[in-house]
Structure formats: structure tokens, C-alpha cells
Amino acid sequence: MSLTVNLYYTGTNGNAKKFADEMESTGVADAIRAENGNLRYDYFIPMADSETVLLIDSWESQEALDAHHASPMMEQIATLREKYDLHMSVERFISSGDDDHDSNWVRK
């Protein structure tokens, strides 16, 4: 089982993108990618909303995500969220490990 959390960071005046840029440029995002159990940590900008950044954050297990949430890195992230006055919404997905059911629809 793995889990994926989609976090939508929304701000004004390009602050969500500035937040993501700073996460990348300071190495915080790379440090998270290097944590035990992290499978993916990538930012995207929705085509229809330039004031929002989507973070796709995937982990091997709930325990790995809990360890990340307990790390000192979370304080850095919270400080940056405050700096850019961002608001968040969250979607959570749990993988059953059965990924073949969509293979007929995926063009490779």
C-alpha cells in the first residue's frame, strides 16, 4: 500500500509559485525527496488557476508520512507558508497496489 496526498497551495500575487520556487531553491524539497519512504514530491501549476500550486506528495506508508510530519522540516515548511500567506486544501488517495486495471486506457 502507498498513499498520495495532493496539497493545493493558494495565495495572491504569485505567492504560491514563489513558495514552491523557494522550497526548490533552498533544498527543502530535495531533502523531503531523500526522506525514507518518500516516493514523489513534485509541484505543478494548474492551467486554469495561476494563483494555486499543486503538490503531489507520495509515500510508501502512513508511518513514513507520519515520520515526515514529525520532522523538523515541517517547521521550515510552515514558516514558508506563513511568509507567503498561503491557504491549503488537501486530497488523500490510498493505493491498493492493483494498478493494472487502467492499463487498457493508457497509451504508452
PDB file of N, CA and C in Angstrom:
ATOM      1  N   MET A   1       0.836  -1.178   0.000  1.00  0.00           N
ATOM      2  CA  MET A   1       0.000   0.000   0.000  1.00  0.00           C
ATOM      3  C   MET A   1       0.885   1.247   0.000  1.00  0.00           C
ATOM      4  N   SER A   2       0.496   2.225  -0.759  1.00  0.00           N
ATOM      5  CA  SER A   2       1.142   3.539  -0.696  1.00  0.00           C
ATOM      6  C   SER A   2       0.043   4.586  -0.619  1.00  0.00           C
ATOM      7  N   LEU A   3       0.445   5.812  -0.267  1.00  0.00           N
ATOM      8  CA  LEU A   3      -0.561   6.858  -0.228  1.00  0.00           C
ATOM      9  C   LEU A   3      -0.018   8.107  -0.883  1.00  0.00           C
ATOM     10  N   THR A   4      -0.926   8.854  -1.477  1.00  0.00           N
ATOM     11  CA  THR A   4      -0.603  10.102  -2.148  1.00  0.00           C
ATOM     12  C   THR A   4      -1.483  11.193  -1.578  1.00  0.00           C
ATOM     13  N   VAL A   5      -0.851  12.323  -1.285  1.00  0.00           N
ATOM     14  CA  VAL A   5      -1.564  13.478  -0.774  1.00  0.00           C
ATOM     15  C   VAL A   5      -1.375  14.603  -1.779  1.00  0.00           C
ATOM     16  N   ASN A   6      -2.474  15.114  -2.301  1.00  0.00           N
ATOM     17  CA  ASN A   6      -2.427  16.297  -3.162  1.00  0.00           C
ATOM     18  C   ASN A   6      -2.722  17.510  -2.293  1.00  0.00           C
ATOM     19  N   LEU A   7      -1.759  18.404  -2.235  1.00  0.00           N
ATOM     20  CA  LEU A   7      -1.928  19.636  -1.463  1.00  0.00           C
ATOM     21  C   LEU A   7      -2.009  20.794  -2.440  1.00  0.00           C
ATOM     22  N   TYR A   8      -3.057  21.574  -2.317  1.00  0.00           N
ATOM     23  CA  TYR A   8      -3.243  22.766  -3.150  1.00  0.00           C
ATOM     24  C   TYR A   8      -2.902  23.984  -2.299  1.00  0.00           C
ATOM     25  N   TYR A   9      -1.841  24.683  -2.672  1.00  0.00           N
ATOM     26  CA  TYR A   9      -1.439  25.920  -2.009  1.00  0.00           C
ATOM     27  C   TYR A   9      -1.970  27.082  -2.832  1.00  0.00           C
ATOM     28  N   THR A  10      -2.765  27.947  -2.213  1.00  0.00           N
ATOM     29  CA  THR A  10      -3.358  29.072  -2.929  1.00  0.00           C
ATOM     30  C   THR A  10      -3.006  30.373  -2.227  1.00  0.00           C
ATOM     31  N   GLY A  11      -2.633  31.363  -3.030  1.00  0.00           N
ATOM     32  CA  GLY A  11      -2.291  32.676  -2.496  1.00  0.00           C
ATOM     33  C   GLY A  11      -2.691  33.765  -3.473  1.00  0.00           C
ATOM     34  N   THR A  12      -2.014  34.888  -3.376  1.00  0.00           N
ATOM     35  CA  THR A  12      -2.242  36.010  -4.288  1.00  0.00           C
ATOM     36  C   THR A  12      -0.889  36.516  -4.775  1.00  0.00           C
ATOM     37  N   ASN A  13      -0.924  37.293  -5.840  1.00  0.00           N
ATOM     38  CA  ASN A  13       0.277  37.942  -6.370  1.00  0.00           C
ATOM     39  C   ASN A  13       1.421  36.975  -6.663  1.00  0.00           C
ATOM     40  N   GLY A  14       1.075  35.763  -7.088  1.00  0.00           N
ATOM     41  CA  GLY A  14       2.094  34.777  -7.440  1.00  0.00           C
ATOM     42  C   GLY A  14       2.787  34.130  -6.253  1.00  0.00           C
ATOM     43  N   ASN A  15       2.237  34.297  -5.047  1.00  0.00           N
ATOM     44  CA  ASN A  15       2.900  33.787  -3.855  1.00  0.00           C
ATOM     45  C   ASN A  15       2.990  32.268  -3.795  1.00  0.00           C
ATOM     46  N   ALA A  16       2.024  31.559  -4.346  1.00  0.00           N
ATOM     47  CA  ALA A  16       2.096  30.097  -4.321  1.00  0.00           C
ATOM     48  C   ALA A  16       3.299  29.620  -5.142  1.00  0.00           C
ATOM     49  N   LYS A  17       3.512  30.211  -6.296  1.00  0.00           N
ATOM     50  CA  LYS A  17       4.669  29.848  -7.116  1.00  0.00           C
ATOM     51  C   LYS A  17       5.963  30.258  -6.429  1.00  0.00           C
ATOM     52  N   LYS A  18       5.982  31.418  -5.786  1.00  0.00           N
ATOM     53  CA  LYS A  18       7.174  31.866  -5.054  1.00  0.00           C
ATOM     54  C   LYS A  18       7.504  30.882  -3.934  1.00  0.00           C
ATOM     55  N   PHE A  19       6.470  30.379  -3.250  1.00  0.00           N
ATOM     56  CA  PHE A  19       6.654  29.375  -2.208  1.00  0.00           C
ATOM     57  C   PHE A  19       7.313  28.127  -2.781  1.00  0.00           C
ATOM     58  N   ALA A  20       6.761  27.603  -3.879  1.00  0.00           N
ATOM     59  CA  ALA A  20       7.319  26.395  -4.498  1.00  0.00           C
ATOM     60  C   ALA A  20       8.744  26.647  -4.979  1.00  0.00           C
ATOM     61  N   ASP A  21       8.983  27.808  -5.571  1.00  0.00           N
ATOM     62  CA  ASP A  21      10.335  28.152  -6.028  1.00  0.00           C
ATOM     63  C   ASP A  21      11.314  28.145  -4.854  1.00  0.00           C
ATOM     64  N   GLU A  22      10.900  28.711  -3.717  1.00  0.00           N
ATOM     65  CA  GLU A  22      11.792  28.752  -2.555  1.00  0.00           C
ATOM     66  C   GLU A  22      11.989  27.362  -1.958  1.00  0.00           C
ATOM     67  N   MET A  23      10.959  26.537  -1.960  1.00  0.00           N
ATOM     68  CA  MET A  23      11.110  25.156  -1.492  1.00  0.00           C
ATOM     69  C   MET A  23      12.168  24.428  -2.323  1.00  0.00           C
ATOM     70  N   GLU A  24      12.148  24.678  -3.636  1.00  0.00           N
ATOM     71  CA  GLU A  24      13.115  24.035  -4.529  1.00  0.00           C
ATOM     72  C   GLU A  24      14.510  24.656  -4.391  1.00  0.00           C
ATOM     73  N   SER A  25      14.595  25.981  -4.412  1.00  0.00           N
ATOM     74  CA  SER A  25      15.903  26.646  -4.438  1.00  0.00           C
ATOM     75  C   SER A  25      16.676  26.509  -3.129  1.00  0.00           C
ATOM     76  N   THR A  26      15.983  26.338  -2.009  1.00  0.00           N
ATOM     77  CA  THR A  26      16.660  26.195  -0.720  1.00  0.00           C
ATOM     78  C   THR A  26      17.031  24.755  -0.399  1.00  0.00           C
ATOM     79  N   GLY A  27      16.576  23.806  -1.217  1.00  0.00           N
ATOM     80  CA  GLY A  27      16.897  22.407  -0.986  1.00  0.00           C
ATOM     81  C   GLY A  27      15.927  21.683  -0.075  1.00  0.00           C
ATOM     82  N   VAL A  28      14.901  22.372   0.418  1.00  0.00           N
ATOM     83  CA  VAL A  28      13.933  21.716   1.301  1.00  0.00           C
ATOM     84  C   VAL A  28      13.205  20.600   0.550  1.00  0.00           C
ATOM     85  N   ALA A  29      12.783  20.870  -0.675  1.00  0.00           N
ATOM     86  CA  ALA A  29      12.068  19.846  -1.455  1.00  0.00           C
ATOM     87  C   ALA A  29      12.964  18.632  -1.700  1.00  0.00           C
ATOM     88  N   ASP A  30      14.229  18.861  -2.034  1.00  0.00           N
ATOM     89  CA  ASP A  30      15.145  17.736  -2.254  1.00  0.00           C
ATOM     90  C   ASP A  30      15.370  16.937  -0.971  1.00  0.00           C
ATOM     91  N   ALA A  31      15.432  17.625   0.157  1.00  0.00           N
ATOM     92  CA  ALA A  31      15.590  16.926   1.439  1.00  0.00           C
ATOM     93  C   ALA A  31      14.379  16.037   1.723  1.00  0.00           C
ATOM     94  N   ILE A  32      13.192  16.502   1.385  1.00  0.00           N
ATOM     95  CA  ILE A  32      11.987  15.694   1.575  1.00  0.00           C
ATOM     96  C   ILE A  32      12.022  14.493   0.636  1.00  0.00           C
ATOM     97  N   ARG A  33      12.431  14.724  -0.609  1.00  0.00           N
ATOM     98  CA  ARG A  33      12.530  13.607  -1.563  1.00  0.00           C
ATOM     99  C   ARG A  33      13.504  12.532  -1.079  1.00  0.00           C
ATOM    100  N   ALA A  34      14.497  12.918  -0.284  1.00  0.00           N
ATOM    101  CA  ALA A  34      15.504  11.981   0.218  1.00  0.00           C
ATOM    102  C   ALA A  34      15.069  11.264   1.496  1.00  0.00           C
ATOM    103  N   GLU A  35      13.943  11.655   2.066  1.00  0.00           N
ATOM    104  CA  GLU A  35      13.472  11.013   3.298  1.00  0.00           C
ATOM    105  C   GLU A  35      13.077   9.570   3.024  1.00  0.00           C
ATOM    106  N   ASN A  36      13.283   8.717   4.033  1.00  0.00           N
ATOM    107  CA  ASN A  36      12.873   7.318   3.923  1.00  0.00           C
ATOM    108  C   ASN A  36      11.381   7.235   3.654  1.00  0.00           C
ATOM    109  N   GLY A  37      11.020   6.490   2.629  1.00  0.00           N
ATOM    110  CA  GLY A  37       9.618   6.262   2.313  1.00  0.00           C
ATOM    111  C   GLY A  37       8.999   7.242   1.348  1.00  0.00           C
ATOM    112  N   ASN A  38       9.712   8.312   0.976  1.00  0.00           N
ATOM    113  CA  ASN A  38       9.128   9.252   0.011  1.00  0.00           C
ATOM    114  C   ASN A  38       9.226   8.673  -1.391  1.00  0.00           C
ATOM    115  N   LEU A  39       8.125   8.692  -2.110  1.00  0.00           N
ATOM    116  CA  LEU A  39       8.079   8.185  -3.479  1.00  0.00           C
ATOM    117  C   LEU A  39       8.013   9.303  -4.510  1.00  0.00           C
ATOM    118  N   ARG A  40       7.433  10.439  -4.115  1.00  0.00           N
ATOM    119  CA  ARG A  40       7.272  11.553  -5.051  1.00  0.00           C
ATOM    120  C   ARG A  40       6.999  12.829  -4.272  1.00  0.00           C
ATOM    121  N   TYR A  41       7.584  13.921  -4.754  1.00  0.00           N
ATOM    122  CA  TYR A  41       7.350  15.233  -4.165  1.00  0.00           C
ATOM    123  C   TYR A  41       7.545  16.240  -5.292  1.00  0.00           C
ATOM    124  N   ASP A  42       6.462  16.579  -5.993  1.00  0.00           N
ATOM    125  CA  ASP A  42       6.554  17.422  -7.185  1.00  0.00           C
ATOM    126  C   ASP A  42       5.465  18.483  -7.188  1.00  0.00           C
ATOM    127  N   TYR A  43       5.850  19.685  -7.621  1.00  0.00           N
ATOM    128  CA  TYR A  43       4.935  20.821  -7.727  1.00  0.00           C
ATOM    129  C   TYR A  43       4.448  21.008  -9.162  1.00  0.00           C
ATOM    130  N   PHE A  44       3.189  21.426  -9.306  1.00  0.00           N
ATOM    131  CA  PHE A  44       2.575  21.710 -10.602  1.00  0.00           C
ATOM    132  C   PHE A  44       1.698  22.952 -10.474  1.00  0.00           C
ATOM    133  N   ILE A  45       1.518  23.660 -11.588  1.00  0.00           N
ATOM    134  CA  ILE A  45       0.628  24.821 -11.617  1.00  0.00           C
ATOM    135  C   ILE A  45      -0.577  24.476 -12.488  1.00  0.00           C
ATOM    136  N   PRO A  46      -1.787  24.513 -11.925  1.00  0.00           N
ATOM    137  CA  PRO A  46      -2.985  24.227 -12.713  1.00  0.00           C
ATOM    138  C   PRO A  46      -3.162  25.261 -13.840  1.00  0.00           C
ATOM    139  N   MET A  47      -3.510  24.815 -15.008  1.00  0.00           N
ATOM    140  CA  MET A  47      -3.680  25.690 -16.169  1.00  0.00           C
ATOM    141  C   MET A  47      -4.734  26.770 -15.927  1.00  0.00           C
ATOM    142  N   ALA A  48      -5.782  26.442 -15.186  1.00  0.00           N
ATOM    143  CA  ALA A  48      -6.889  27.379 -15.014  1.00  0.00           C
ATOM    144  C   ALA A  48      -6.763  28.260 -13.769  1.00  0.00           C
ATOM    145  N   ASP A  49      -5.665  28.115 -12.993  1.00  0.00           N
ATOM    146  CA  ASP A  49      -5.548  28.872 -11.753  1.00  0.00           C
ATOM    147  C   ASP A  49      -4.079  29.151 -11.447  1.00  0.00           C
ATOM    148  N   SER A  50      -3.576  30.254 -11.938  1.00  0.00           N
ATOM    149  CA  SER A  50      -2.160  30.582 -11.758  1.00  0.00           C
ATOM    150  C   SER A  50      -1.816  31.004 -10.327  1.00  0.00           C
ATOM    151  N   GLU A  51      -2.815  31.156  -9.464  1.00  0.00           N
ATOM    152  CA  GLU A  51      -2.561  31.518  -8.067  1.00  0.00           C
ATOM    153  C   GLU A  51      -2.515  30.287  -7.157  1.00  0.00           C
ATOM    154  N   THR A  52      -2.573  29.106  -7.749  1.00  0.00           N
ATOM    155  CA  THR A  52      -2.525  27.861  -6.984  1.00  0.00           C
ATOM    156  C   THR A  52      -1.371  27.013  -7.488  1.00  0.00           C
ATOM    157  N   VAL A  53      -0.731  26.324  -6.561  1.00  0.00           N
ATOM    158  CA  VAL A  53       0.285  25.326  -6.885  1.00  0.00           C
ATOM    159  C   VAL A  53      -0.178  24.009  -6.278  1.00  0.00           C
ATOM    160  N   LEU A  54      -0.092  22.952  -7.061  1.00  0.00           N
ATOM    161  CA  LEU A  54      -0.436  21.612  -6.605  1.00  0.00           C
ATOM    162  C   LEU A  54       0.848  20.874  -6.251  1.00  0.00           C
ATOM    163  N   LEU A  55       0.898  20.321  -5.051  1.00  0.00           N
ATOM    164  CA  LEU A  55       1.988  19.442  -4.651  1.00  0.00           C
ATOM    165  C   LEU A  55       1.454  18.019  -4.644  1.00  0.00           C
ATOM    166  N   ILE A  56       2.097  17.140  -5.402  1.00  0.00           N
ATOM    167  CA  ILE A  56       1.782  15.714  -5.345  1.00  0.00           C
ATOM    168  C   ILE A  56       2.864  15.073  -4.479  1.00  0.00           C
ATOM    169  N   ASP A  57       2.446  14.530  -3.355  1.00  0.00           N
ATOM    170  CA  ASP A  57       3.334  14.040  -2.305  1.00  0.00           C
ATOM    171  C   ASP A  57       2.972  12.586  -2.018  1.00  0.00           C
ATOM    172  N   SER A  58       3.836  11.636  -2.421  1.00  0.00           N
ATOM    173  CA  SER A  58       3.525  10.210  -2.266  1.00  0.00           C
ATOM    174  C   SER A  58       4.511   9.536  -1.319  1.00  0.00           C
ATOM    175  N   TRP A  59       3.978   8.603  -0.535  1.00  0.00           N
ATOM    176  CA  TRP A  59       4.756   7.912   0.494  1.00  0.00           C
ATOM    177  C   TRP A  59       4.477   6.423   0.465  1.00  0.00           C
ATOM    178  N   GLU A  60       5.457   5.630   0.874  1.00  0.00           N
ATOM    179  CA  GLU A  60       5.311   4.170   0.913  1.00  0.00           C
ATOM    180  C   GLU A  60       4.269   3.718   1.926  1.00  0.00           C
ATOM    181  N   SER A  61       4.116   4.491   3.012  1.00  0.00           N
ATOM    182  CA  SER A  61       3.215   4.063   4.088  1.00  0.00           C
ATOM    183  C   SER A  61       2.799   5.267   4.923  1.00  0.00           C
ATOM    184  N   GLN A  62       1.780   5.055   5.731  1.00  0.00           N
ATOM    185  CA  GLN A  62       1.358   6.096   6.670  1.00  0.00           C
ATOM    186  C   GLN A  62       2.465   6.383   7.684  1.00  0.00           C
ATOM    187  N   GLU A  63       3.204   5.333   8.072  1.00  0.00           N
ATOM    188  CA  GLU A  63       4.290   5.519   9.033  1.00  0.00           C
ATOM    189  C   GLU A  63       5.368   6.444   8.471  1.00  0.00           C
ATOM    190  N   ALA A  64       5.693   6.294   7.189  1.00  0.00           N
ATOM    191  CA  ALA A  64       6.694   7.170   6.569  1.00  0.00           C
ATOM    192  C   ALA A  64       6.199   8.615   6.535  1.00  0.00           C
ATOM    193  N   LEU A  65       4.930   8.797   6.219  1.00  0.00           N
ATOM    194  CA  LEU A  65       4.358  10.144   6.209  1.00  0.00           C
ATOM    195  C   LEU A  65       4.319  10.729   7.622  1.00  0.00           C
ATOM    196  N   ASP A  66       3.977   9.909   8.607  1.00  0.00           N
ATOM    197  CA  ASP A  66       3.965  10.379   9.991  1.00  0.00           C
ATOM    198  C   ASP A  66       5.359  10.822  10.434  1.00  0.00           C
ATOM    199  N   ALA A  67       6.395  10.082  10.042  1.00  0.00           N
ATOM    200  CA  ALA A  67       7.773  10.454  10.381  1.00  0.00           C
ATOM    201  C   ALA A  67       8.133  11.787   9.736  1.00  0.00           C
ATOM    202  N   HIS A  68       7.694  11.989   8.495  1.00  0.00           N
ATOM    203  CA  HIS A  68       7.920  13.270   7.821  1.00  0.00           C
ATOM    204  C   HIS A  68       7.225  14.398   8.581  1.00  0.00           C
ATOM    205  N   HIS A  69       5.983  14.179   8.961  1.00  0.00           N
ATOM    206  CA  HIS A  69       5.226  15.208   9.686  1.00  0.00           C
ATOM    207  C   HIS A  69       5.849  15.527  11.051  1.00  0.00           C
ATOM    208  N   ALA A  70       6.566  14.578  11.639  1.00  0.00           N
ATOM    209  CA  ALA A  70       7.199  14.793  12.939  1.00  0.00           C
ATOM    210  C   ALA A  70       8.603  15.393  12.814  1.00  0.00           C
ATOM    211  N   SER A  71       9.090  15.547  11.591  1.00  0.00           N
ATOM    212  CA  SER A  71      10.460  16.026  11.386  1.00  0.00           C
ATOM    213  C   SER A  71      10.549  17.542  11.559  1.00  0.00           C
ATOM    214  N   PRO A  72      11.737  18.051  11.861  1.00  0.00           N
ATOM    215  CA  PRO A  72      11.948  19.500  11.980  1.00  0.00           C
ATOM    216  C   PRO A  72      11.671  20.241  10.667  1.00  0.00           C
ATOM    217  N   MET A  73      11.699  19.526   9.568  1.00  0.00           N
ATOM    218  CA  MET A  73      11.441  20.141   8.262  1.00  0.00           C
ATOM    219  C   MET A  73      10.040  20.749   8.184  1.00  0.00           C
ATOM    220  N   MET A  74       9.106  20.206   8.935  1.00  0.00           N
ATOM    221  CA  MET A  74       7.737  20.729   8.899  1.00  0.00           C
ATOM    222  C   MET A  74       7.686  22.175   9.396  1.00  0.00           C
ATOM    223  N   GLU A  75       8.569  22.532  10.325  1.00  0.00           N
ATOM    224  CA  GLU A  75       8.613  23.911  10.804  1.00  0.00           C
ATOM    225  C   GLU A  75       9.083  24.843   9.685  1.00  0.00           C
ATOM    226  N   GLN A  76      10.053  24.392   8.900  1.00  0.00           N
ATOM    227  CA  GLN A  76      10.513  25.189   7.753  1.00  0.00           C
ATOM    228  C   GLN A  76       9.375  25.417   6.756  1.00  0.00           C
ATOM    229  N   ILE A  77       8.634  24.350   6.482  1.00  0.00           N
ATOM    230  CA  ILE A  77       7.520  24.447   5.532  1.00  0.00           C
ATOM    231  C   ILE A  77       6.456  25.398   6.069  1.00  0.00           C
ATOM    232  N   ALA A  78       6.117  25.262   7.345  1.00  0.00           N
ATOM    233  CA  ALA A  78       5.098  26.136   7.953  1.00  0.00           C
ATOM    234  C   ALA A  78       5.542  27.592   7.920  1.00  0.00           C
ATOM    235  N   THR A  79       6.815  27.841   8.159  1.00  0.00           N
ATOM    236  CA  THR A  79       7.335  29.210   8.119  1.00  0.00           C
ATOM    237  C   THR A  79       7.191  29.795   6.717  1.00  0.00           C
ATOM    238  N   LEU A  80       7.498  29.008   5.704  1.00  0.00           N
ATOM    239  CA  LEU A  80       7.357  29.484   4.323  1.00  0.00           C
ATOM    240  C   LEU A  80       5.890  29.706   3.950  1.00  0.00           C
ATOM    241  N   ARG A  81       5.011  28.825   4.415  1.00  0.00           N
ATOM    242  CA  ARG A  81       3.573  29.018   4.142  1.00  0.00           C
ATOM    243  C   ARG A  81       3.102  30.331   4.732  1.00  0.00           C
ATOM    244  N   GLU A  82       3.541  30.627   5.944  1.00  0.00           N
ATOM    245  CA  GLU A  82       3.176  31.897   6.586  1.00  0.00           C
ATOM    246  C   GLU A  82       3.781  33.081   5.835  1.00  0.00           C
ATOM    247  N   LYS A  83       5.036  32.962   5.448  1.00  0.00           N
ATOM    248  CA  LYS A  83       5.720  34.032   4.725  1.00  0.00           C
ATOM    249  C   LYS A  83       4.941  34.440   3.482  1.00  0.00           C
ATOM    250  N   TYR A  84       4.393  33.443   2.766  1.00  0.00           N
ATOM    251  CA  TYR A  84       3.679  33.710   1.521  1.00  0.00           C
ATOM    252  C   TYR A  84       2.162  33.760   1.714  1.00  0.00           C
ATOM    253  N   ASP A  85       1.689  33.670   2.956  1.00  0.00           N
ATOM    254  CA  ASP A  85       0.263  33.778   3.299  1.00  0.00           C
ATOM    255  C   ASP A  85      -0.586  32.836   2.446  1.00  0.00           C
ATOM    256  N   LEU A  86      -0.222  31.562   2.475  1.00  0.00           N
ATOM    257  CA  LEU A  86      -0.909  30.568   1.650  1.00  0.00           C
ATOM    258  C   LEU A  86      -1.994  29.847   2.432  1.00  0.00           C
ATOM    259  N   HIS A  87      -3.037  29.471   1.716  1.00  0.00           N
ATOM    260  CA  HIS A  87      -4.110  28.643   2.248  1.00  0.00           C
ATOM    261  C   HIS A  87      -4.031  27.302   1.541  1.00  0.00           C
ATOM    262  N   MET A  88      -4.524  26.260   2.207  1.00  0.00           N
ATOM    263  CA  MET A  88      -4.353  24.913   1.673  1.00  0.00           C
ATOM    264  C   MET A  88      -5.676  24.152   1.629  1.00  0.00           C
ATOM    265  N   SER A  89      -5.740  23.253   0.651  1.00  0.00           N
ATOM    266  CA  SER A  89      -6.758  22.208   0.665  1.00  0.00           C
ATOM    267  C   SER A  89      -6.050  20.905   0.325  1.00  0.00           C
ATOM    268  N   VAL A  90      -6.632  19.789   0.765  1.00  0.00           N
ATOM    269  CA  VAL A  90      -5.936  18.506   0.693  1.00  0.00           C
ATOM    270  C   VAL A  90      -6.868  17.430   0.147  1.00  0.00           C
ATOM    271  N   GLU A  91      -6.302  16.580  -0.695  1.00  0.00           N
ATOM    272  CA  GLU A  91      -6.957  15.352  -1.151  1.00  0.00           C
ATOM    273  C   GLU A  91      -6.012  14.204  -0.816  1.00  0.00           C
ATOM    274  N   ARG A  92      -6.574  13.091  -0.395  1.00  0.00           N
ATOM    275  CA  ARG A  92      -5.758  11.945   0.013  1.00  0.00           C
ATOM    276  C   ARG A  92      -6.214  10.703  -0.744  1.00  0.00           C
ATOM    277  N   PHE A  93      -5.246   9.949  -1.279  1.00  0.00           N
ATOM    278  CA  PHE A  93      -5.526   8.744  -2.050  1.00  0.00           C
ATOM    279  C   PHE A  93      -4.671   7.601  -1.529  1.00  0.00           C
ATOM    280  N   ILE A  94      -5.276   6.425  -1.380  1.00  0.00           N
ATOM    281  CA  ILE A  94      -4.546   5.240  -0.931  1.00  0.00           C
ATOM    282  C   ILE A  94      -4.561   4.233  -2.063  1.00  0.00           C
ATOM    283  N   SER A  95      -3.375   3.757  -2.411  1.00  0.00           N
ATOM    284  CA  SER A  95      -3.237   2.787  -3.495  1.00  0.00           C
ATOM    285  C   SER A  95      -3.398   1.381  -2.941  1.00  0.00           C
ATOM    286  N   SER A  96      -4.149   0.595  -3.660  1.00  0.00           N
ATOM    287  CA  SER A  96      -4.339  -0.792  -3.243  1.00  0.00           C
ATOM    288  C   SER A  96      -3.227  -1.688  -3.767  1.00  0.00           C
ATOM    289  N   GLY A  97      -2.390  -1.154  -4.644  1.00  0.00           N
ATOM    290  CA  GLY A  97      -1.340  -1.958  -5.254  1.00  0.00           C
ATOM    291  C   GLY A  97      -1.786  -2.608  -6.553  1.00  0.00           C
ATOM    292  N   ASP A  98      -3.077  -2.488  -6.888  1.00  0.00           N
ATOM    293  CA  ASP A  98      -3.610  -3.071  -8.127  1.00  0.00           C
ATOM    294  C   ASP A  98      -3.687  -1.973  -9.178  1.00  0.00           C
ATOM    295  N   ASP A  99      -2.587  -1.762  -9.895  1.00  0.00           N
ATOM    296  CA  ASP A  99      -2.521  -0.679 -10.872  1.00  0.00           C
ATOM    297  C   ASP A  99      -2.808  -1.132 -12.293  1.00  0.00           C
ATOM    298  N   ASP A 100      -3.038  -2.424 -12.502  1.00  0.00           N
ATOM    299  CA  ASP A 100      -3.250  -2.940 -13.855  1.00  0.00           C
ATOM    300  C   ASP A 100      -4.629  -2.638 -14.419  1.00  0.00           C
ATOM    301  N   HIS A 101      -5.590  -2.273 -13.595  1.00  0.00           N
ATOM    302  CA  HIS A 101      -6.955  -2.092 -14.069  1.00  0.00           C
ATOM    303  C   HIS A 101      -7.092  -0.945 -15.068  1.00  0.00           C
ATOM    304  N   ASP A 102      -6.144  -0.033 -15.131  1.00  0.00           N
ATOM    305  CA  ASP A 102      -6.209   1.071 -16.089  1.00  0.00           C
ATOM    306  C   ASP A 102      -5.324   0.864 -17.305  1.00  0.00           C
ATOM    307  N   SER A 103      -4.616  -0.239 -17.379  1.00  0.00           N
ATOM    308  CA  SER A 103      -3.629  -0.426 -18.444  1.00  0.00           C
ATOM    309  C   SER A 103      -4.241  -0.414 -19.848  1.00  0.00           C
ATOM    310  N   ASN A 104      -5.505  -0.777 -19.985  1.00  0.00           N
ATOM    311  CA  ASN A 104      -6.138  -0.761 -21.317  1.00  0.00           C
ATOM    312  C   ASN A 104      -6.387   0.649 -21.815  1.00  0.00           C
ATOM    313  N   TRP A 105      -6.365   1.634 -20.928  1.00  0.00           N
ATOM    314  CA  TRP A 105      -6.681   3.014 -21.291  1.00  0.00           C
ATOM    315  C   TRP A 105      -5.459   3.908 -21.422  1.00  0.00           C
ATOM    316  N   VAL A 106      -4.320   3.386 -21.027  1.00  0.00           N
ATOM    317  CA  VAL A 106      -3.083   4.181 -21.023  1.00  0.00           C
ATOM    318  C   VAL A 106      -2.317   3.961 -22.308  1.00  0.00           C
ATOM    319  N   ARG A 107      -2.047   5.042 -23.004  1.00  0.00           N
ATOM    320  CA  ARG A 107      -1.245   4.954 -24.235  1.00  0.00           C
ATOM    321  C   ARG A 107       0.211   5.140 -23.854  1.00  0.00           C
ATOM    322  N   LYS A 108       1.022   4.192 -24.252  1.00  0.00           N
ATOM    323  CA  LYS A 108       2.461   4.258 -23.926  1.00  0.00           C
ATOM    324  C   LYS A 108       3.280   4.547 -25.146  1.00  0.00           C
TER     325      LYS A 108
END
